[in-house]
Amino acid sequence: MPKLEGWSWLHNGSLAGRVYNDDKGRFKDGAYIYTSLVQEYSLKDGNRFAQTLNTRYELGDSEWEEYRKERAEKARLRDLKEPEVD
């Protein structure tokens, strides 16, 4: 099943993001794509899915979630580098 990472909802009800594991062989891993209109959005066992007309996508981290994780990691690394002040 193809998986979208770094995805975001578009104003027209479709998604944009990087696709991986496209089992139909349409896209290379990491290709940035725009889906057709999402027909159904669902949650199952903590995983998110979006169904378009012809494809069901597993949704990884959204663009916002990736941004938050990146910021947290940068803050963690910064805190490791800064010496403690007495």
Protein backbone atom coordinates (compact mmCIF):
# COMPACT_ATOMS: atom_id res chain seq x y z
CA MET A 1 0.00 0.00 0.00
CA PRO A 2 1.41 3.41 -0.87
CA LYS A 3 2.25 5.67 2.04
CA LEU A 4 2.22 9.48 2.08
CA GLU A 5 4.73 11.30 4.26
CA GLY A 6 4.97 15.04 4.82
CA TRP A 7 1.43 15.32 3.54
CA SER A 8 -1.03 18.16 3.81
CA TRP A 9 -4.68 18.68 2.95
CA LEU A 10 -5.33 20.94 0.00
CA HIS A 11 -8.27 23.32 -0.26
CA ASN A 12 -9.96 21.11 -2.88
CA GLY A 13 -10.08 18.02 -0.61
CA SER A 14 -7.06 16.25 -2.06
CA LEU A 15 -3.67 15.58 -0.46
CA ALA A 16 -0.12 16.48 -1.41
CA GLY A 17 2.98 14.75 -0.06
CA ARG A 18 5.88 12.39 -0.67
CA VAL A 19 4.81 8.90 -1.69
CA TYR A 20 6.60 5.65 -0.82
CA ASN A 21 5.91 2.00 -1.68
CA ASP A 22 3.65 2.72 -4.64
CA ASP A 23 2.56 -0.84 -5.38
CA LYS A 24 1.25 0.18 -8.82
CA GLY A 25 4.73 1.35 -9.88
CA ARG A 26 3.60 4.85 -10.86
CA PHE A 27 5.97 6.82 -8.64
CA LYS A 28 9.53 6.51 -7.36
CA ASP A 29 9.96 6.52 -3.59
CA GLY A 30 9.99 10.09 -2.31
CA ALA A 31 8.22 11.58 -5.33
CA TYR A 32 6.03 14.57 -4.43
CA ILE A 33 2.50 13.92 -5.63
CA TYR A 34 -0.98 15.38 -5.55
CA THR A 35 -3.79 12.89 -5.04
CA SER A 36 -7.23 13.05 -6.50
CA LEU A 37 -10.11 14.02 -4.23
CA VAL A 38 -10.13 12.05 -0.97
CA GLN A 39 -13.34 10.01 -0.85
CA GLU A 40 -12.88 8.64 2.66
CA TYR A 41 -10.57 9.23 5.61
CA SER A 42 -10.32 6.52 8.26
CA LEU A 43 -8.44 5.42 11.38
CA LYS A 44 -7.64 1.80 12.14
CA ASP A 45 -5.43 0.55 14.96
CA GLY A 46 -3.88 4.00 15.34
CA ASN A 47 -3.05 4.31 11.64
CA ARG A 48 -4.60 6.86 9.28
CA PHE A 49 -5.79 6.10 5.77
CA ALA A 50 -7.13 8.13 2.87
CA GLN A 51 -9.10 6.58 0.02
CA THR A 52 -9.16 8.36 -3.32
CA LEU A 53 -11.06 7.19 -6.38
CA ASN A 54 -8.47 4.54 -7.28
CA THR A 55 -5.95 4.36 -4.43
CA ARG A 56 -5.87 3.81 -0.68
CA TYR A 57 -2.97 5.58 1.04
CA GLU A 58 -1.58 5.04 4.49
CA LEU A 59 -0.82 8.44 5.98
CA GLY A 60 2.45 8.83 7.82
CA ASP A 61 3.44 12.07 9.51
CA SER A 62 1.80 15.18 8.15
CA GLU A 63 3.88 18.15 7.07
CA TRP A 64 3.08 19.81 10.41
CA GLU A 65 4.04 16.73 12.42
CA GLU A 66 7.37 16.50 10.58
CA TYR A 67 8.02 20.18 11.29
CA ARG A 68 7.28 19.74 15.01
CA LYS A 69 9.58 16.69 15.24
CA GLU A 70 12.37 18.51 13.42
CA ARG A 71 12.08 21.53 15.73
CA ALA A 72 12.09 19.29 18.82
CA GLU A 73 15.20 17.47 17.58
CA LYS A 74 17.01 20.75 16.87
CA ALA A 75 16.14 22.01 20.36
CA ARG A 76 17.39 18.74 21.88
CA LEU A 77 20.68 18.97 20.00
CA ARG A 78 21.07 22.64 20.93
CA ASP A 79 20.51 21.80 24.59
CA LEU A 80 23.21 19.11 24.40
CA LYS A 81 25.74 21.58 22.99
CA GLU A 82 25.13 24.50 25.34
CA PRO A 83 27.18 24.40 28.52
CA GLU A 84 25.37 24.86 31.79
CA VAL A 85 25.69 28.28 33.39
CA ASP A 86 26.14 28.55 37.18
